[in-house]
Amino acid sequence: MLIIDSSENYTYSHVDFPRANFIIKTGGRPDFKLLKGVKVQVAEVKTGKNGGSKVILKRLDGKKFFGKFPEVSANYEAALQAGELKKVR
């Protein structure tokens, strides 16, 4: 289990959230402040050619991200290192 934390520069570089204009076009609410503290679980792990791993994240509460997206992807190691994701102990 992981927790989404706030990003250093107010944008998420390693968690692949859709862009705000795409969220609006699909009828969602692009409020990134609401993501801080959301508990997520790793649904799938994909290993790349260079050894980095990409993970698919789903919310534990069953809600969708921005009201429209059931899952998002993230570069696991880079997101942990940047503080965008944190492990729950």
Protein backbone atom coordinates (compact mmCIF):
# COMPACT_ATOMS: atom_id res chain seq x y z
CA MET A 1 0.00 0.00 0.00
CA LEU A 2 1.24 3.49 -0.88
CA ILE A 3 0.12 7.04 -0.16
CA ILE A 4 0.12 9.85 -2.72
CA ASP A 5 1.96 12.83 -1.28
CA SER A 6 2.32 16.36 -2.58
CA SER A 7 4.89 16.96 -5.29
CA GLU A 8 7.92 19.20 -4.84
CA ASN A 9 6.96 21.65 -7.56
CA TYR A 10 3.14 21.28 -7.49
CA THR A 11 3.16 19.02 -10.54
CA TYR A 12 3.59 15.29 -10.54
CA SER A 13 6.53 14.27 -12.71
CA HIS A 14 6.65 10.55 -12.00
CA VAL A 15 2.99 9.71 -11.39
CA ASP A 16 1.29 9.86 -14.78
CA PHE A 17 -1.91 11.76 -14.06
CA PRO A 18 -3.86 13.03 -17.08
CA ARG A 19 -3.41 16.67 -17.98
CA ALA A 20 -5.96 19.12 -16.59
CA ASN A 21 -7.48 19.93 -19.99
CA PHE A 22 -8.10 16.23 -20.70
CA ILE A 23 -9.69 15.76 -17.28
CA ILE A 24 -12.06 18.67 -17.98
CA LYS A 25 -12.94 17.36 -21.47
CA THR A 26 -13.92 13.98 -20.01
CA GLY A 27 -16.11 15.60 -17.36
CA GLY A 28 -13.80 15.19 -14.36
CA ARG A 29 -12.60 17.68 -11.77
CA PRO A 30 -8.85 18.47 -12.03
CA ASP A 31 -8.22 19.21 -8.35
CA PHE A 32 -4.75 17.85 -7.62
CA LYS A 33 -4.86 19.09 -4.00
CA LEU A 34 -7.41 16.38 -3.18
CA LEU A 35 -4.86 13.67 -4.06
CA LYS A 36 -2.61 14.31 -1.07
CA GLY A 37 -3.01 11.48 1.41
CA VAL A 38 -4.97 9.16 -0.89
CA LYS A 39 -4.12 5.51 -0.25
CA VAL A 40 -3.44 3.46 -3.35
CA GLN A 41 -2.47 -0.11 -4.09
CA VAL A 42 -0.27 -1.51 -6.81
CA ALA A 43 -2.50 -3.40 -9.23
CA GLU A 44 0.14 -4.35 -11.79
CA VAL A 45 3.91 -4.11 -12.23
CA LYS A 46 5.59 -3.75 -15.63
CA THR A 47 9.36 -3.96 -15.94
CA GLY A 48 11.01 -1.93 -18.69
CA LYS A 49 14.06 -2.74 -20.78
CA ASN A 50 16.28 -0.42 -18.74
CA GLY A 51 15.35 -2.12 -15.46
CA GLY A 52 12.93 0.54 -14.21
CA SER A 53 9.51 -0.56 -13.15
CA LYS A 54 6.22 1.04 -14.07
CA VAL A 55 3.28 0.35 -11.76
CA ILE A 56 -0.47 0.68 -12.23
CA LEU A 57 -2.12 2.27 -9.18
CA LYS A 58 -5.73 1.97 -8.01
CA ARG A 59 -7.38 3.77 -5.11
CA LEU A 60 -8.12 1.68 -2.02
CA ASP A 61 -11.42 3.47 -1.35
CA GLY A 62 -12.79 2.31 -4.72
CA LYS A 63 -13.27 5.84 -6.06
CA LYS A 64 -11.86 6.98 -9.38
CA PHE A 65 -9.10 9.55 -9.80
CA PHE A 66 -10.72 12.92 -10.64
CA GLY A 67 -14.08 11.13 -10.80
CA LYS A 68 -13.26 9.51 -14.17
CA PHE A 69 -10.05 7.45 -14.16
CA PRO A 70 -10.01 4.08 -12.34
CA GLU A 71 -6.22 3.75 -12.48
CA VAL A 72 -3.04 5.70 -13.17
CA SER A 73 0.52 4.62 -13.86
CA ALA A 74 3.74 5.71 -12.17
CA ASN A 75 7.49 5.24 -12.39
CA TYR A 76 7.82 3.46 -9.05
CA GLU A 77 11.42 4.17 -8.06
CA ALA A 78 11.47 7.77 -9.28
CA ALA A 79 8.12 8.60 -7.62
CA LEU A 80 9.31 7.21 -4.28
CA GLN A 81 12.59 9.09 -4.54
CA ALA A 82 10.87 12.38 -5.41
CA GLY A 83 8.38 11.99 -2.56
CA GLU A 84 5.34 11.78 -4.81
CA LEU A 85 4.56 8.33 -3.37
CA LYS A 86 5.29 7.10 0.13
CA LYS A 87 5.23 3.58 1.53
CA VAL A 88 2.83 2.86 4.37
CA ARG A 89 4.57 1.17 7.27
